[in-house]
Amino acid sequence: MNSPVGPRGGNRDRSPPTVWSELGRYGGHGMTIGIATALFAWLGSLLDGRLHTEPLFVVLGAFVGFAAGFYSMMRHLTGRSGNEPEREANRDEDTE
């Protein structure tokens, strides 16, 4: 009853993902980018209203929000948590 375990602890013998599960996964990434962009643009518009610098912070906020959403998406798609260089350094020390 031993089943092979994948690198993330999941079962490797699972059936391929369905169209709906893949749509949910990638659609979620698109929603993350869209919501982050809209949130930062909205915060920029609030800041523009206070400082009377009309398009400046809306544009900057939109760029920052898009970059943050894109970074989050890439981290999830590549499976990296941000501690990879530290793990690699520790792995190299263990092999010596």
C-alpha atoms as a PDB file:
ATOM      1  CA  MET A   1       0.000   0.000   0.000  1.00  0.00           C
ATOM      2  CA  ASN A   2       2.972   2.301  -0.343  1.00  0.00           C
ATOM      3  CA  SER A   3       2.345   5.026  -2.831  1.00  0.00           C
ATOM      4  CA  PRO A   4       5.080   7.187  -4.327  1.00  0.00           C
ATOM      5  CA  VAL A   5       5.162  10.666  -2.920  1.00  0.00           C
ATOM      6  CA  GLY A   6       5.937  13.695  -5.062  1.00  0.00           C
ATOM      7  CA  PRO A   7       8.371  16.482  -4.165  1.00  0.00           C
ATOM      8  CA  ARG A   8       5.652  18.493  -2.420  1.00  0.00           C
ATOM      9  CA  GLY A   9       4.229  15.588  -0.480  1.00  0.00           C
ATOM     10  CA  GLY A  10       1.425  14.848  -2.946  1.00  0.00           C
ATOM     11  CA  ASN A  11       0.701  11.538  -4.606  1.00  0.00           C
ATOM     12  CA  ARG A  12       2.413  11.240  -7.992  1.00  0.00           C
ATOM     13  CA  ASP A  13      -0.059   8.680  -9.310  1.00  0.00           C
ATOM     14  CA  ARG A  14      -2.940  11.127  -9.467  1.00  0.00           C
ATOM     15  CA  SER A  15      -4.931  11.552 -12.625  1.00  0.00           C
ATOM     16  CA  PRO A  16      -4.114  14.589 -14.747  1.00  0.00           C
ATOM     17  CA  PRO A  17      -5.795  17.823 -13.659  1.00  0.00           C
ATOM     18  CA  THR A  18      -9.142  18.618 -15.182  1.00  0.00           C
ATOM     19  CA  VAL A  19      -9.825  21.656 -17.307  1.00  0.00           C
ATOM     20  CA  TRP A  20     -11.810  23.207 -14.457  1.00  0.00           C
ATOM     21  CA  SER A  21      -9.032  22.818 -11.912  1.00  0.00           C
ATOM     22  CA  GLU A  22      -6.510  24.340 -14.319  1.00  0.00           C
ATOM     23  CA  LEU A  23      -8.932  27.166 -15.118  1.00  0.00           C
ATOM     24  CA  GLY A  24      -9.275  27.849 -11.408  1.00  0.00           C
ATOM     25  CA  ARG A  25      -5.535  27.793 -10.875  1.00  0.00           C
ATOM     26  CA  TYR A  26      -4.577  30.109 -13.726  1.00  0.00           C
ATOM     27  CA  GLY A  27      -7.700  32.222 -13.384  1.00  0.00           C
ATOM     28  CA  GLY A  28      -6.724  32.798  -9.776  1.00  0.00           C
ATOM     29  CA  HIS A  29      -3.353  34.103 -10.903  1.00  0.00           C
ATOM     30  CA  GLY A  30      -5.070  36.506 -13.283  1.00  0.00           C
ATOM     31  CA  MET A  31      -7.377  37.669 -10.512  1.00  0.00           C
ATOM     32  CA  THR A  32      -4.379  38.250  -8.249  1.00  0.00           C
ATOM     33  CA  ILE A  33      -2.719  40.487 -10.820  1.00  0.00           C
ATOM     34  CA  GLY A  34      -5.954  42.356 -11.529  1.00  0.00           C
ATOM     35  CA  ILE A  35      -6.867  42.905  -7.883  1.00  0.00           C
ATOM     36  CA  ALA A  36      -3.340  43.979  -6.922  1.00  0.00           C
ATOM     37  CA  THR A  37      -3.232  46.436  -9.820  1.00  0.00           C
ATOM     38  CA  ALA A  38      -6.658  47.878  -8.998  1.00  0.00           C
ATOM     39  CA  LEU A  39      -5.901  48.113  -5.268  1.00  0.00           C
ATOM     40  CA  PHE A  40      -2.624  49.953  -5.736  1.00  0.00           C
ATOM     41  CA  ALA A  41      -4.127  52.248  -8.379  1.00  0.00           C
ATOM     42  CA  TRP A  42      -6.980  53.069  -5.972  1.00  0.00           C
ATOM     43  CA  LEU A  43      -4.506  53.805  -3.186  1.00  0.00           C
ATOM     44  CA  GLY A  44      -2.607  56.002  -5.647  1.00  0.00           C
ATOM     45  CA  SER A  45      -5.784  57.912  -6.466  1.00  0.00           C
ATOM     46  CA  LEU A  46      -6.371  58.542  -2.757  1.00  0.00           C
ATOM     47  CA  LEU A  47      -2.831  59.840  -2.442  1.00  0.00           C
ATOM     48  CA  ASP A  48      -3.263  61.967  -5.571  1.00  0.00           C
ATOM     49  CA  GLY A  49      -6.401  63.509  -4.075  1.00  0.00           C
ATOM     50  CA  ARG A  50      -4.556  64.555  -0.947  1.00  0.00           C
ATOM     51  CA  LEU A  51      -1.411  65.808  -2.667  1.00  0.00           C
ATOM     52  CA  HIS A  52      -3.111  67.246  -5.805  1.00  0.00           C
ATOM     53  CA  THR A  53      -0.759  65.356  -8.127  1.00  0.00           C
ATOM     54  CA  GLU A  54      -3.546  63.898 -10.268  1.00  0.00           C
ATOM     55  CA  PRO A  55      -2.166  61.141 -12.510  1.00  0.00           C
ATOM     56  CA  LEU A  56       1.203  60.533 -10.819  1.00  0.00           C
ATOM     57  CA  PHE A  57       0.416  58.121  -7.994  1.00  0.00           C
ATOM     58  CA  VAL A  58      -2.377  56.349  -9.875  1.00  0.00           C
ATOM     59  CA  VAL A  59       0.110  55.391 -12.583  1.00  0.00           C
ATOM     60  CA  LEU A  60       2.831  54.488 -10.082  1.00  0.00           C
ATOM     61  CA  GLY A  61       0.347  52.492  -8.029  1.00  0.00           C
ATOM     62  CA  ALA A  62      -0.832  50.584 -11.077  1.00  0.00           C
ATOM     63  CA  PHE A  63       2.743  49.684 -12.019  1.00  0.00           C
ATOM     64  CA  VAL A  64       3.621  48.634  -8.465  1.00  0.00           C
ATOM     65  CA  GLY A  65       0.415  46.593  -8.167  1.00  0.00           C
ATOM     66  CA  PHE A  66       1.038  44.843 -11.464  1.00  0.00           C
ATOM     67  CA  ALA A  67       4.635  44.095 -10.477  1.00  0.00           C
ATOM     68  CA  ALA A  68       3.539  42.711  -7.096  1.00  0.00           C
ATOM     69  CA  GLY A  69       0.849  40.536  -8.696  1.00  0.00           C
ATOM     70  CA  PHE A  70       3.246  39.302 -11.353  1.00  0.00           C
ATOM     71  CA  TYR A  71       5.880  38.488  -8.733  1.00  0.00           C
ATOM     72  CA  SER A  72       3.319  36.537  -6.715  1.00  0.00           C
ATOM     73  CA  MET A  73       2.207  34.627  -9.804  1.00  0.00           C
ATOM     74  CA  MET A  74       5.778  33.730 -10.782  1.00  0.00           C
ATOM     75  CA  ARG A  75       6.576  32.548  -7.254  1.00  0.00           C
ATOM     76  CA  HIS A  76       3.568  30.224  -7.309  1.00  0.00           C
ATOM     77  CA  LEU A  77       4.178  28.932 -10.823  1.00  0.00           C
ATOM     78  CA  THR A  78       7.868  28.214 -10.289  1.00  0.00           C
ATOM     79  CA  GLY A  79       7.303  26.748  -6.824  1.00  0.00           C
ATOM     80  CA  ARG A  80       9.819  29.027  -5.130  1.00  0.00           C
ATOM     81  CA  SER A  81       9.203  30.465  -1.709  1.00  0.00           C
ATOM     82  CA  GLY A  82      11.891  33.137  -1.623  1.00  0.00           C
ATOM     83  CA  ASN A  83      14.317  31.123   0.546  1.00  0.00           C
ATOM     84  CA  GLU A  84      15.855  29.225  -2.358  1.00  0.00           C
ATOM     85  CA  PRO A  85      19.360  30.806  -2.305  1.00  0.00           C
ATOM     86  CA  GLU A  86      19.576  30.075   1.425  1.00  0.00           C
ATOM     87  CA  ARG A  87      18.562  26.447   0.890  1.00  0.00           C
ATOM     88  CA  GLU A  88      21.073  26.051  -1.930  1.00  0.00           C
ATOM     89  CA  ALA A  89      23.857  27.404   0.299  1.00  0.00           C
ATOM     90  CA  ASN A  90      22.872  25.010   3.093  1.00  0.00           C
ATOM     91  CA  ARG A  91      22.759  22.079   0.659  1.00  0.00           C
ATOM     92  CA  ASP A  92      26.262  22.908  -0.607  1.00  0.00           C
ATOM     93  CA  GLU A  93      27.617  22.997   2.959  1.00  0.00           C
ATOM     94  CA  ASP A  94      26.078  19.586   3.713  1.00  0.00           C
ATOM     95  CA  THR A  95      27.732  17.911   0.719  1.00  0.00           C
ATOM     96  CA  GLU A  96      31.266  19.049   1.580  1.00  0.00           C
END
